N, C-alpha and C. Protein backbone atom coordinates (compact mmCIF):
# COMPACT_ATOMS: atom_id res chain seq x y z
N MET A 1 -45.90 -108.57 24.78
CA MET A 1 -46.18 -107.44 23.89
C MET A 1 -45.28 -107.54 22.66
N THR A 2 -45.86 -107.43 21.47
CA THR A 2 -45.09 -107.51 20.25
C THR A 2 -44.23 -106.26 20.09
N THR A 3 -43.18 -106.40 19.24
CA THR A 3 -42.28 -105.26 19.01
C THR A 3 -43.04 -104.07 18.43
N GLN A 4 -43.98 -104.34 17.52
CA GLN A 4 -44.74 -103.26 16.89
C GLN A 4 -45.62 -102.54 17.91
N LYS A 5 -46.27 -103.31 18.79
CA LYS A 5 -47.11 -102.69 19.81
C LYS A 5 -46.26 -101.85 20.76
N TYR A 6 -45.06 -102.36 21.09
CA TYR A 6 -44.17 -101.62 21.98
C TYR A 6 -43.76 -100.30 21.34
N LYS A 7 -43.39 -100.36 20.06
CA LYS A 7 -42.98 -99.15 19.35
C LYS A 7 -44.13 -98.15 19.27
N THR A 8 -45.33 -98.67 18.97
CA THR A 8 -46.51 -97.80 18.90
C THR A 8 -46.78 -97.13 20.25
N GLY A 9 -46.64 -97.92 21.32
CA GLY A 9 -46.86 -97.38 22.66
C GLY A 9 -45.85 -96.31 23.02
N ARG A 10 -44.59 -96.51 22.63
CA ARG A 10 -43.55 -95.53 22.91
C ARG A 10 -43.78 -94.25 22.12
N ILE A 11 -44.23 -94.40 20.88
CA ILE A 11 -44.51 -93.22 20.07
C ILE A 11 -45.64 -92.40 20.68
N ARG A 12 -46.70 -93.10 21.12
CA ARG A 12 -47.82 -92.41 21.76
C ARG A 12 -47.36 -91.70 23.02
N GLU A 13 -46.50 -92.36 23.79
CA GLU A 13 -46.02 -91.76 25.04
C GLU A 13 -45.18 -90.51 24.75
N ARG A 14 -44.30 -90.60 23.76
CA ARG A 14 -43.46 -89.45 23.41
C ARG A 14 -44.30 -88.29 22.89
N ASN A 15 -45.28 -88.60 22.06
CA ASN A 15 -46.15 -87.55 21.53
C ASN A 15 -46.94 -86.87 22.64
N SER A 16 -47.45 -87.69 23.55
CA SER A 16 -48.21 -87.15 24.68
C SER A 16 -47.33 -86.26 25.55
N GLU A 17 -46.10 -86.70 25.83
CA GLU A 17 -45.18 -85.92 26.65
C GLU A 17 -44.83 -84.60 25.96
N ASN A 18 -44.64 -84.64 24.66
CA ASN A 18 -44.32 -83.44 23.89
C ASN A 18 -45.45 -82.43 23.96
N ILE A 19 -46.67 -82.92 23.82
CA ILE A 19 -47.85 -82.04 23.88
C ILE A 19 -48.01 -81.45 25.27
N LEU A 20 -47.82 -82.28 26.31
CA LEU A 20 -47.96 -81.80 27.68
C LEU A 20 -46.90 -80.74 28.00
N SER A 21 -45.68 -80.94 27.50
CA SER A 21 -44.62 -79.97 27.72
C SER A 21 -44.95 -78.63 27.06
N ALA A 22 -45.45 -78.68 25.83
CA ALA A 22 -45.84 -77.45 25.12
C ALA A 22 -47.01 -76.78 25.83
N ALA A 23 -47.96 -77.57 26.29
CA ALA A 23 -49.13 -77.03 26.98
C ALA A 23 -48.72 -76.33 28.27
N GLU A 24 -47.77 -76.92 28.99
CA GLU A 24 -47.29 -76.32 30.23
C GLU A 24 -46.74 -74.92 29.99
N GLN A 25 -45.97 -74.77 28.93
CA GLN A 25 -45.38 -73.47 28.62
C GLN A 25 -46.44 -72.45 28.20
N GLU A 26 -47.43 -72.89 27.44
CA GLU A 26 -48.48 -71.97 27.00
C GLU A 26 -49.39 -71.58 28.16
N PHE A 27 -49.77 -72.53 28.98
CA PHE A 27 -50.69 -72.24 30.09
C PHE A 27 -50.06 -71.30 31.11
N VAL A 28 -48.75 -71.45 31.37
CA VAL A 28 -48.12 -70.57 32.36
C VAL A 28 -47.98 -69.16 31.81
N LEU A 29 -47.86 -69.02 30.49
CA LEU A 29 -47.72 -67.70 29.87
C LEU A 29 -49.07 -66.99 29.72
N HIS A 30 -50.12 -67.75 29.38
CA HIS A 30 -51.38 -67.13 28.99
C HIS A 30 -52.59 -67.57 29.82
N GLY A 31 -52.39 -68.48 30.75
CA GLY A 31 -53.52 -68.97 31.52
C GLY A 31 -54.40 -69.89 30.69
N PHE A 32 -55.40 -70.47 31.34
CA PHE A 32 -56.26 -71.42 30.62
C PHE A 32 -57.06 -70.72 29.52
N LYS A 33 -57.72 -69.63 29.86
CA LYS A 33 -58.59 -68.96 28.89
C LYS A 33 -57.79 -68.38 27.72
N GLY A 34 -56.60 -67.89 27.99
CA GLY A 34 -55.83 -67.23 26.95
C GLY A 34 -55.02 -68.17 26.07
N THR A 35 -55.05 -69.46 26.39
CA THR A 35 -54.28 -70.44 25.62
C THR A 35 -55.19 -71.14 24.61
N SER A 36 -54.73 -71.24 23.38
CA SER A 36 -55.49 -71.94 22.34
C SER A 36 -54.83 -73.27 22.01
N MET A 37 -55.62 -74.20 21.53
CA MET A 37 -55.09 -75.49 21.11
C MET A 37 -54.11 -75.30 19.95
N GLN A 38 -54.38 -74.29 19.11
CA GLN A 38 -53.48 -74.04 17.98
C GLN A 38 -52.11 -73.58 18.47
N ALA A 39 -52.10 -72.74 19.50
CA ALA A 39 -50.83 -72.27 20.05
C ALA A 39 -50.04 -73.43 20.63
N ILE A 40 -50.72 -74.35 21.30
CA ILE A 40 -50.04 -75.52 21.85
C ILE A 40 -49.50 -76.39 20.72
N ALA A 41 -50.30 -76.58 19.68
CA ALA A 41 -49.86 -77.38 18.53
C ALA A 41 -48.64 -76.76 17.87
N ASP A 42 -48.67 -75.44 17.72
CA ASP A 42 -47.53 -74.75 17.10
C ASP A 42 -46.26 -74.93 17.92
N ARG A 43 -46.39 -74.79 19.24
CA ARG A 43 -45.21 -74.93 20.10
C ARG A 43 -44.71 -76.38 20.09
N ALA A 44 -45.64 -77.33 20.04
CA ALA A 44 -45.26 -78.75 20.05
C ALA A 44 -44.78 -79.22 18.68
N GLY A 45 -45.09 -78.43 17.64
CA GLY A 45 -44.68 -78.80 16.29
C GLY A 45 -45.48 -79.95 15.73
N VAL A 46 -46.78 -80.01 16.09
CA VAL A 46 -47.65 -81.07 15.59
C VAL A 46 -48.94 -80.45 15.06
N PRO A 47 -49.68 -81.16 14.20
CA PRO A 47 -50.98 -80.66 13.76
C PRO A 47 -51.95 -80.59 14.94
N LYS A 48 -52.84 -79.62 14.92
CA LYS A 48 -53.81 -79.48 16.01
C LYS A 48 -54.65 -80.74 16.17
N ALA A 49 -54.91 -81.43 15.05
CA ALA A 49 -55.70 -82.66 15.10
C ALA A 49 -55.06 -83.71 15.99
N ASN A 50 -53.72 -83.71 16.05
CA ASN A 50 -53.02 -84.67 16.91
C ASN A 50 -53.35 -84.45 18.38
N ILE A 51 -53.46 -83.18 18.77
CA ILE A 51 -53.77 -82.88 20.17
C ILE A 51 -55.18 -83.34 20.51
N HIS A 52 -56.12 -83.09 19.60
CA HIS A 52 -57.49 -83.54 19.82
C HIS A 52 -57.56 -85.07 19.88
N TYR A 53 -56.69 -85.74 19.12
CA TYR A 53 -56.66 -87.20 19.12
C TYR A 53 -56.27 -87.73 20.50
N TYR A 54 -55.28 -87.10 21.10
CA TYR A 54 -54.78 -87.57 22.39
C TYR A 54 -55.61 -87.07 23.57
N PHE A 55 -56.12 -85.84 23.49
CA PHE A 55 -56.76 -85.24 24.66
C PHE A 55 -58.19 -84.72 24.42
N LYS A 56 -58.73 -84.87 23.23
CA LYS A 56 -60.11 -84.50 22.90
C LYS A 56 -60.34 -83.00 22.89
N ASN A 57 -60.07 -82.32 24.03
CA ASN A 57 -60.31 -80.88 24.09
C ASN A 57 -59.35 -80.23 25.08
N LYS A 58 -59.39 -78.89 25.14
CA LYS A 58 -58.45 -78.15 25.98
C LYS A 58 -58.63 -78.48 27.46
N GLY A 59 -59.87 -78.66 27.87
CA GLY A 59 -60.12 -78.98 29.28
C GLY A 59 -59.49 -80.30 29.68
N ASN A 60 -59.62 -81.31 28.84
CA ASN A 60 -59.00 -82.60 29.13
C ASN A 60 -57.48 -82.50 29.17
N LEU A 61 -56.92 -81.73 28.25
CA LEU A 61 -55.47 -81.55 28.21
C LEU A 61 -54.98 -80.84 29.47
N TYR A 62 -55.69 -79.80 29.87
CA TYR A 62 -55.33 -79.05 31.07
C TYR A 62 -55.41 -79.92 32.31
N ARG A 63 -56.47 -80.72 32.40
CA ARG A 63 -56.63 -81.61 33.55
C ARG A 63 -55.54 -82.68 33.57
N ALA A 64 -55.20 -83.22 32.41
CA ALA A 64 -54.15 -84.23 32.33
C ALA A 64 -52.81 -83.64 32.76
N LEU A 65 -52.55 -82.40 32.38
CA LEU A 65 -51.31 -81.73 32.76
C LEU A 65 -51.25 -81.57 34.27
N LEU A 66 -52.32 -81.12 34.88
CA LEU A 66 -52.35 -80.92 36.32
C LEU A 66 -52.16 -82.23 37.08
N GLU A 67 -52.84 -83.28 36.62
CA GLU A 67 -52.72 -84.57 37.28
C GLU A 67 -51.31 -85.14 37.12
N ASN A 68 -50.70 -84.88 35.98
CA ASN A 68 -49.32 -85.33 35.76
C ASN A 68 -48.36 -84.60 36.70
N ILE A 69 -48.61 -83.31 36.92
CA ILE A 69 -47.79 -82.53 37.85
C ILE A 69 -47.84 -83.15 39.25
N LEU A 70 -49.03 -83.48 39.71
CA LEU A 70 -49.19 -84.04 41.05
C LEU A 70 -48.55 -85.42 41.16
N THR A 71 -48.64 -86.20 40.10
CA THR A 71 -48.02 -87.52 40.11
C THR A 71 -46.51 -87.42 40.27
N VAL A 72 -45.90 -86.49 39.54
CA VAL A 72 -44.45 -86.29 39.63
C VAL A 72 -44.06 -85.83 41.03
N TRP A 73 -44.82 -84.91 41.61
CA TRP A 73 -44.52 -84.40 42.94
C TRP A 73 -44.59 -85.48 44.00
N ASN A 74 -45.61 -86.33 43.91
CA ASN A 74 -45.90 -87.27 45.00
C ASN A 74 -45.25 -88.63 44.84
N GLU A 75 -44.63 -88.86 43.69
CA GLU A 75 -44.05 -90.17 43.42
C GLU A 75 -42.99 -90.56 44.44
N VAL A 76 -42.28 -89.57 44.97
CA VAL A 76 -41.20 -89.85 45.91
C VAL A 76 -41.70 -90.53 47.18
N LEU A 77 -42.98 -90.39 47.49
CA LEU A 77 -43.54 -91.01 48.69
C LEU A 77 -44.25 -92.33 48.39
N SER A 78 -44.09 -92.84 47.19
CA SER A 78 -44.84 -94.03 46.79
C SER A 78 -44.48 -95.27 47.62
N ASP A 79 -43.24 -95.32 48.14
CA ASP A 79 -42.82 -96.52 48.87
C ASP A 79 -42.74 -96.31 50.38
N MET A 80 -43.25 -95.20 50.90
CA MET A 80 -43.21 -94.99 52.35
C MET A 80 -44.14 -95.97 53.05
N SER A 81 -43.72 -96.45 54.21
CA SER A 81 -44.51 -97.43 54.94
C SER A 81 -44.25 -97.26 56.43
N PRO A 82 -45.04 -97.93 57.29
CA PRO A 82 -44.81 -97.84 58.73
C PRO A 82 -43.41 -98.29 59.13
N ASP A 83 -42.75 -99.12 58.30
CA ASP A 83 -41.41 -99.60 58.62
C ASP A 83 -40.32 -98.65 58.16
N SER A 84 -40.67 -97.62 57.40
CA SER A 84 -39.68 -96.69 56.87
C SER A 84 -39.09 -95.82 57.98
N ASP A 85 -37.92 -95.26 57.71
CA ASP A 85 -37.30 -94.29 58.60
C ASP A 85 -37.90 -92.92 58.29
N PRO A 86 -38.65 -92.32 59.21
CA PRO A 86 -39.31 -91.04 58.92
C PRO A 86 -38.34 -89.93 58.54
N ALA A 87 -37.17 -89.89 59.14
CA ALA A 87 -36.19 -88.85 58.80
C ALA A 87 -35.76 -88.98 57.35
N ASP A 88 -35.52 -90.20 56.91
CA ASP A 88 -35.10 -90.44 55.52
C ASP A 88 -36.20 -90.07 54.55
N VAL A 89 -37.43 -90.50 54.85
CA VAL A 89 -38.55 -90.24 53.94
C VAL A 89 -38.84 -88.76 53.83
N LEU A 90 -38.92 -88.06 54.97
CA LEU A 90 -39.24 -86.64 54.94
C LEU A 90 -38.13 -85.82 54.28
N GLU A 91 -36.88 -86.20 54.53
CA GLU A 91 -35.78 -85.48 53.88
C GLU A 91 -35.82 -85.65 52.36
N ARG A 92 -36.06 -86.86 51.89
CA ARG A 92 -36.14 -87.11 50.45
C ARG A 92 -37.30 -86.34 49.83
N PHE A 93 -38.41 -86.29 50.54
CA PHE A 93 -39.59 -85.59 50.04
C PHE A 93 -39.30 -84.10 49.90
N ILE A 94 -38.72 -83.51 50.93
CA ILE A 94 -38.42 -82.07 50.91
C ILE A 94 -37.40 -81.75 49.81
N ARG A 95 -36.33 -82.50 49.75
CA ARG A 95 -35.29 -82.21 48.76
C ARG A 95 -35.81 -82.40 47.33
N THR A 96 -36.63 -83.40 47.11
CA THR A 96 -37.19 -83.62 45.78
C THR A 96 -38.12 -82.49 45.40
N LYS A 97 -38.94 -82.03 46.34
CA LYS A 97 -39.88 -80.95 46.06
C LYS A 97 -39.15 -79.63 45.78
N VAL A 98 -38.08 -79.36 46.51
CA VAL A 98 -37.30 -78.14 46.24
C VAL A 98 -36.64 -78.24 44.86
N GLU A 99 -36.07 -79.40 44.56
CA GLU A 99 -35.44 -79.59 43.25
C GLU A 99 -36.45 -79.39 42.12
N LEU A 100 -37.66 -79.94 42.29
CA LEU A 100 -38.69 -79.79 41.26
C LEU A 100 -39.17 -78.35 41.15
N ALA A 101 -39.13 -77.62 42.27
CA ALA A 101 -39.53 -76.21 42.23
C ALA A 101 -38.63 -75.42 41.30
N TYR A 102 -37.36 -75.81 41.23
CA TYR A 102 -36.41 -75.10 40.38
C TYR A 102 -36.28 -75.72 38.99
N SER A 103 -36.46 -77.02 38.88
CA SER A 103 -36.33 -77.66 37.57
C SER A 103 -37.62 -77.57 36.76
N HIS A 104 -38.78 -77.48 37.46
CA HIS A 104 -40.07 -77.40 36.78
C HIS A 104 -40.93 -76.30 37.42
N PRO A 105 -40.47 -75.05 37.42
CA PRO A 105 -41.23 -73.99 38.09
C PRO A 105 -42.58 -73.73 37.45
N ASN A 106 -42.70 -73.90 36.14
CA ASN A 106 -43.98 -73.65 35.47
C ASN A 106 -45.07 -74.57 35.98
N ALA A 107 -44.70 -75.81 36.27
CA ALA A 107 -45.68 -76.78 36.76
C ALA A 107 -46.29 -76.29 38.08
N SER A 108 -45.44 -75.82 38.98
CA SER A 108 -45.93 -75.33 40.26
C SER A 108 -46.81 -74.10 40.10
N LYS A 109 -46.43 -73.20 39.19
CA LYS A 109 -47.21 -71.97 38.98
C LYS A 109 -48.58 -72.27 38.39
N ILE A 110 -48.64 -73.21 37.45
CA ILE A 110 -49.92 -73.58 36.86
C ILE A 110 -50.82 -74.19 37.92
N PHE A 111 -50.26 -75.06 38.76
CA PHE A 111 -51.05 -75.67 39.82
C PHE A 111 -51.56 -74.61 40.79
N ALA A 112 -50.69 -73.66 41.14
CA ALA A 112 -51.09 -72.59 42.07
C ALA A 112 -52.23 -71.75 41.48
N MET A 113 -52.14 -71.43 40.20
CA MET A 113 -53.20 -70.65 39.56
C MET A 113 -54.53 -71.40 39.57
N GLU A 114 -54.46 -72.70 39.34
CA GLU A 114 -55.67 -73.52 39.35
C GLU A 114 -56.32 -73.51 40.74
N ILE A 115 -55.53 -73.67 41.77
CA ILE A 115 -56.07 -73.69 43.14
C ILE A 115 -56.62 -72.34 43.54
N ILE A 116 -55.89 -71.26 43.21
CA ILE A 116 -56.36 -69.90 43.55
C ILE A 116 -57.71 -69.61 42.92
N GLN A 117 -57.95 -70.16 41.74
CA GLN A 117 -59.20 -69.94 41.03
C GLN A 117 -60.32 -70.88 41.49
N GLY A 118 -60.07 -71.66 42.55
CA GLY A 118 -61.10 -72.54 43.07
C GLY A 118 -61.06 -73.94 42.51
N ALA A 119 -59.98 -74.29 41.84
CA ALA A 119 -59.78 -75.63 41.27
C ALA A 119 -60.94 -76.08 40.37
N PRO A 120 -61.34 -75.25 39.39
CA PRO A 120 -62.47 -75.63 38.53
C PRO A 120 -62.25 -76.91 37.73
N TYR A 121 -61.00 -77.21 37.37
CA TYR A 121 -60.72 -78.40 36.56
C TYR A 121 -60.13 -79.54 37.38
N LEU A 122 -59.82 -79.27 38.64
CA LEU A 122 -59.14 -80.28 39.45
C LEU A 122 -59.90 -80.65 40.72
N LYS A 123 -61.07 -80.04 40.92
CA LYS A 123 -61.78 -80.24 42.18
C LYS A 123 -62.13 -81.71 42.42
N ASP A 124 -62.63 -82.41 41.39
CA ASP A 124 -62.98 -83.82 41.56
C ASP A 124 -61.76 -84.65 41.92
N TYR A 125 -60.64 -84.36 41.25
CA TYR A 125 -59.41 -85.09 41.54
C TYR A 125 -58.96 -84.83 42.97
N ILE A 126 -59.03 -83.58 43.40
CA ILE A 126 -58.60 -83.25 44.75
C ILE A 126 -59.49 -83.91 45.80
N SER A 127 -60.80 -83.89 45.56
CA SER A 127 -61.73 -84.42 46.57
C SER A 127 -61.76 -85.94 46.62
N VAL A 128 -61.21 -86.60 45.61
CA VAL A 128 -61.20 -88.06 45.60
C VAL A 128 -59.76 -88.59 45.69
N ASP A 129 -59.00 -88.43 44.61
CA ASP A 129 -57.66 -89.01 44.55
C ASP A 129 -56.69 -88.36 45.54
N MET A 130 -56.64 -87.03 45.55
CA MET A 130 -55.69 -86.36 46.45
C MET A 130 -56.09 -86.55 47.90
N ARG A 131 -57.38 -86.49 48.17
CA ARG A 131 -57.83 -86.69 49.56
C ARG A 131 -57.42 -88.08 50.05
N GLN A 132 -57.58 -89.09 49.20
CA GLN A 132 -57.20 -90.45 49.59
C GLN A 132 -55.69 -90.56 49.75
N TRP A 133 -54.93 -89.90 48.86
CA TRP A 133 -53.47 -89.94 48.95
C TRP A 133 -53.01 -89.34 50.28
N VAL A 134 -53.54 -88.17 50.62
CA VAL A 134 -53.15 -87.52 51.88
C VAL A 134 -53.55 -88.37 53.07
N LYS A 135 -54.73 -88.97 53.01
CA LYS A 135 -55.20 -89.82 54.10
C LYS A 135 -54.24 -91.00 54.32
N GLU A 136 -53.80 -91.62 53.23
CA GLU A 136 -52.90 -92.76 53.34
C GLU A 136 -51.54 -92.35 53.89
N LYS A 137 -50.98 -91.25 53.37
CA LYS A 137 -49.67 -90.80 53.83
C LYS A 137 -49.73 -90.30 55.27
N ALA A 138 -50.80 -89.62 55.61
CA ALA A 138 -50.97 -89.16 56.99
C ALA A 138 -51.09 -90.37 57.93
N GLY A 139 -51.71 -91.44 57.46
CA GLY A 139 -51.83 -92.65 58.27
C GLY A 139 -50.47 -93.27 58.55
N VAL A 140 -49.58 -93.24 57.57
CA VAL A 140 -48.22 -93.76 57.78
C VAL A 140 -47.48 -92.89 58.79
N ILE A 141 -47.60 -91.57 58.63
CA ILE A 141 -46.94 -90.66 59.58
C ILE A 141 -47.46 -90.91 61.00
N GLN A 142 -48.77 -91.11 61.13
CA GLN A 142 -49.34 -91.38 62.45
C GLN A 142 -48.78 -92.69 63.01
N SER A 143 -48.55 -93.66 62.14
CA SER A 143 -47.98 -94.93 62.62
C SER A 143 -46.57 -94.71 63.15
N TRP A 144 -45.81 -93.81 62.53
CA TRP A 144 -44.47 -93.50 63.03
C TRP A 144 -44.56 -92.87 64.42
N ILE A 145 -45.55 -91.98 64.57
CA ILE A 145 -45.77 -91.34 65.88
C ILE A 145 -46.13 -92.38 66.93
N ASP A 146 -47.04 -93.28 66.58
CA ASP A 146 -47.50 -94.32 67.51
C ASP A 146 -46.37 -95.26 67.91
N GLN A 147 -45.41 -95.45 66.99
CA GLN A 147 -44.27 -96.32 67.28
C GLN A 147 -43.18 -95.60 68.07
N GLY A 148 -43.35 -94.30 68.26
CA GLY A 148 -42.34 -93.53 68.98
C GLY A 148 -41.16 -93.13 68.13
N LYS A 149 -41.31 -93.21 66.80
CA LYS A 149 -40.21 -92.86 65.91
C LYS A 149 -40.04 -91.35 65.76
N MET A 150 -41.09 -90.59 66.05
CA MET A 150 -41.04 -89.14 65.93
C MET A 150 -42.04 -88.54 66.90
N ARG A 151 -41.87 -87.25 67.20
CA ARG A 151 -42.78 -86.61 68.15
C ARG A 151 -44.16 -86.45 67.53
N ALA A 152 -45.13 -86.27 68.37
CA ALA A 152 -46.52 -86.15 67.92
C ALA A 152 -46.75 -84.81 67.24
N VAL A 153 -47.10 -84.86 65.96
CA VAL A 153 -47.47 -83.67 65.20
C VAL A 153 -48.75 -84.03 64.44
N GLU A 154 -49.42 -83.04 63.90
CA GLU A 154 -50.59 -83.29 63.07
C GLU A 154 -50.12 -83.71 61.68
N PRO A 155 -50.30 -84.98 61.29
CA PRO A 155 -49.75 -85.47 60.02
C PRO A 155 -50.20 -84.70 58.78
N THR A 156 -51.48 -84.39 58.73
CA THR A 156 -51.99 -83.69 57.55
C THR A 156 -51.40 -82.29 57.43
N TYR A 157 -51.29 -81.60 58.56
CA TYR A 157 -50.70 -80.26 58.54
C TYR A 157 -49.22 -80.32 58.18
N LEU A 158 -48.54 -81.39 58.56
CA LEU A 158 -47.13 -81.54 58.21
C LEU A 158 -46.99 -81.65 56.69
N ILE A 159 -47.85 -82.41 56.06
CA ILE A 159 -47.83 -82.53 54.60
C ILE A 159 -48.11 -81.17 53.96
N PHE A 160 -49.12 -80.47 54.47
CA PHE A 160 -49.44 -79.13 53.94
C PHE A 160 -48.24 -78.19 54.06
N MET A 161 -47.55 -78.24 55.21
CA MET A 161 -46.43 -77.34 55.45
C MET A 161 -45.29 -77.62 54.46
N ILE A 162 -45.01 -78.88 54.20
CA ILE A 162 -43.95 -79.23 53.25
C ILE A 162 -44.34 -78.78 51.85
N TRP A 163 -45.59 -79.00 51.47
CA TRP A 163 -46.06 -78.50 50.17
C TRP A 163 -45.83 -76.99 50.07
N ALA A 164 -46.31 -76.27 51.08
CA ALA A 164 -46.27 -74.80 51.02
C ALA A 164 -44.85 -74.27 51.00
N SER A 165 -44.00 -74.78 51.87
CA SER A 165 -42.65 -74.23 52.00
C SER A 165 -41.79 -74.53 50.77
N THR A 166 -41.97 -75.68 50.16
CA THR A 166 -41.15 -76.02 48.99
C THR A 166 -41.68 -75.34 47.72
N GLN A 167 -42.98 -75.31 47.54
CA GLN A 167 -43.54 -74.70 46.34
C GLN A 167 -43.39 -73.18 46.33
N HIS A 168 -43.19 -72.60 47.49
CA HIS A 168 -42.99 -71.16 47.59
C HIS A 168 -41.87 -70.69 46.66
N TYR A 169 -40.83 -71.49 46.55
CA TYR A 169 -39.66 -71.08 45.77
C TYR A 169 -39.89 -71.11 44.27
N ALA A 170 -40.96 -71.73 43.83
CA ALA A 170 -41.35 -71.67 42.42
C ALA A 170 -42.42 -70.60 42.22
N ASP A 171 -43.45 -70.65 43.06
CA ASP A 171 -44.59 -69.75 42.88
C ASP A 171 -44.23 -68.29 43.11
N PHE A 172 -43.30 -68.03 44.02
CA PHE A 172 -42.91 -66.66 44.36
C PHE A 172 -41.43 -66.41 44.07
N ASP A 173 -40.96 -67.01 43.00
CA ASP A 173 -39.55 -66.91 42.63
C ASP A 173 -39.10 -65.46 42.46
N THR A 174 -39.92 -64.65 41.80
CA THR A 174 -39.57 -63.24 41.59
C THR A 174 -39.38 -62.52 42.91
N GLN A 175 -40.29 -62.75 43.84
CA GLN A 175 -40.18 -62.12 45.16
C GLN A 175 -38.91 -62.56 45.89
N VAL A 176 -38.64 -63.86 45.86
CA VAL A 176 -37.46 -64.39 46.54
C VAL A 176 -36.18 -63.78 45.97
N LEU A 177 -36.09 -63.71 44.65
CA LEU A 177 -34.90 -63.17 44.01
C LEU A 177 -34.72 -61.68 44.30
N GLU A 178 -35.81 -60.93 44.27
CA GLU A 178 -35.71 -59.50 44.54
C GLU A 178 -35.31 -59.23 45.98
N VAL A 179 -35.91 -59.94 46.91
CA VAL A 179 -35.60 -59.73 48.32
C VAL A 179 -34.16 -60.11 48.63
N THR A 180 -33.67 -61.18 48.00
CA THR A 180 -32.31 -61.63 48.26
C THR A 180 -31.29 -60.99 47.32
N ASN A 181 -31.77 -60.08 46.45
CA ASN A 181 -30.91 -59.33 45.53
C ASN A 181 -30.09 -60.24 44.62
N LYS A 182 -30.80 -61.19 43.99
CA LYS A 182 -30.15 -62.11 43.08
C LYS A 182 -30.87 -62.11 41.73
N ARG A 183 -30.14 -62.42 40.68
CA ARG A 183 -30.76 -62.56 39.35
C ARG A 183 -31.33 -63.96 39.16
N LYS A 184 -30.65 -64.93 39.72
CA LYS A 184 -31.12 -66.31 39.66
C LYS A 184 -30.49 -67.09 40.80
N HIS A 185 -31.07 -68.22 41.11
CA HIS A 185 -30.52 -69.06 42.17
C HIS A 185 -29.47 -69.99 41.60
N GLU A 186 -28.33 -70.06 42.28
CA GLU A 186 -27.27 -70.98 41.90
C GLU A 186 -27.48 -72.32 42.61
N GLU A 187 -26.72 -73.30 42.19
CA GLU A 187 -26.87 -74.64 42.77
C GLU A 187 -26.65 -74.62 44.28
N GLU A 188 -25.68 -73.83 44.75
CA GLU A 188 -25.43 -73.78 46.19
C GLU A 188 -26.59 -73.13 46.95
N ASP A 189 -27.32 -72.20 46.30
CA ASP A 189 -28.50 -71.60 46.94
C ASP A 189 -29.58 -72.65 47.14
N ILE A 190 -29.80 -73.46 46.12
CA ILE A 190 -30.81 -74.51 46.20
C ILE A 190 -30.45 -75.51 47.29
N GLN A 191 -29.15 -75.82 47.39
CA GLN A 191 -28.69 -76.74 48.43
C GLN A 191 -28.95 -76.17 49.82
N ARG A 192 -28.67 -74.87 49.99
CA ARG A 192 -28.88 -74.24 51.30
C ARG A 192 -30.36 -74.19 51.65
N ILE A 193 -31.19 -73.92 50.68
CA ILE A 193 -32.64 -73.90 50.92
C ILE A 193 -33.12 -75.28 51.36
N SER A 194 -32.66 -76.30 50.66
CA SER A 194 -33.05 -77.67 51.01
C SER A 194 -32.57 -78.03 52.41
N ASP A 195 -31.31 -77.69 52.72
CA ASP A 195 -30.77 -77.99 54.05
C ASP A 195 -31.57 -77.29 55.14
N PHE A 196 -31.91 -76.03 54.89
CA PHE A 196 -32.67 -75.25 55.88
C PHE A 196 -34.03 -75.89 56.14
N LEU A 197 -34.77 -76.20 55.08
CA LEU A 197 -36.10 -76.77 55.25
C LEU A 197 -36.05 -78.15 55.89
N VAL A 198 -35.06 -78.95 55.51
CA VAL A 198 -34.92 -80.27 56.12
C VAL A 198 -34.66 -80.13 57.61
N ASP A 199 -33.74 -79.25 57.99
CA ASP A 199 -33.44 -79.05 59.41
C ASP A 199 -34.66 -78.58 60.19
N MET A 200 -35.39 -77.63 59.64
CA MET A 200 -36.56 -77.09 60.34
C MET A 200 -37.63 -78.15 60.54
N VAL A 201 -37.92 -78.92 59.49
CA VAL A 201 -38.97 -79.92 59.59
C VAL A 201 -38.55 -81.09 60.49
N LEU A 202 -37.34 -81.59 60.27
CA LEU A 202 -36.91 -82.72 61.09
C LEU A 202 -36.78 -82.35 62.56
N ASN A 203 -36.22 -81.17 62.85
CA ASN A 203 -36.12 -80.74 64.23
C ASN A 203 -37.50 -80.58 64.86
N GLY A 204 -38.44 -80.03 64.09
CA GLY A 204 -39.80 -79.87 64.59
C GLY A 204 -40.49 -81.19 64.87
N CYS A 205 -40.05 -82.24 64.16
CA CYS A 205 -40.63 -83.57 64.35
C CYS A 205 -39.83 -84.43 65.31
N GLY A 206 -38.79 -83.83 65.91
CA GLY A 206 -37.97 -84.57 66.85
C GLY A 206 -37.09 -85.60 66.18
N LEU A 207 -36.65 -85.31 64.95
CA LEU A 207 -35.84 -86.25 64.17
C LEU A 207 -34.47 -85.68 63.91
N ASN A 208 -33.52 -86.56 63.65
CA ASN A 208 -32.16 -86.16 63.28
C ASN A 208 -31.86 -86.61 61.87
N ARG A 209 -31.12 -85.77 61.13
CA ARG A 209 -30.72 -86.14 59.78
C ARG A 209 -29.78 -87.34 59.82
N ALA A 210 -29.98 -88.24 58.86
CA ALA A 210 -29.14 -89.44 58.80
C ALA A 210 -27.71 -89.05 58.49
């Protein structure tokens, strides 16, 4: 790759990331229908034409944002295999998801709103890409069970439970803070939440923390 092509590629990547970041903030504040391309452009500090150049229309931009959210969430499991240590993999997955719930809460809320509404923009992705991803990861978990590395659990339900328990802290942050009488979560709170979820899941799977 030539230096010019590399620079052009990096510029495109930075512009795309900037637009996606602005879109995330607008969509979480106003929802899909209430968000305009102009508002996203204003927040990103770019001409509206630039957004159309990269994403064509609001629907494409929204779908790209949602797919990017899922990619970030699931990347931590990209290298799991039948030879992996299930305790290590599950602990990393849980801790990463809790960390992302606090570092990127808007992403989780936008995804939750999309699913609650019947996934109008993400249904094809869920029924093809996500279904295949879950099938592959559940297959690895089943291989751990077959090898005697962990107790027999339903692999797909285990994935669902980790999704639900970790995303709860982003999607229902207001409820959590009010019930626990806090204004915000401190670093030690996040650590305790992660420790609690790791212990519950690993113990339920017959695993010990490394």
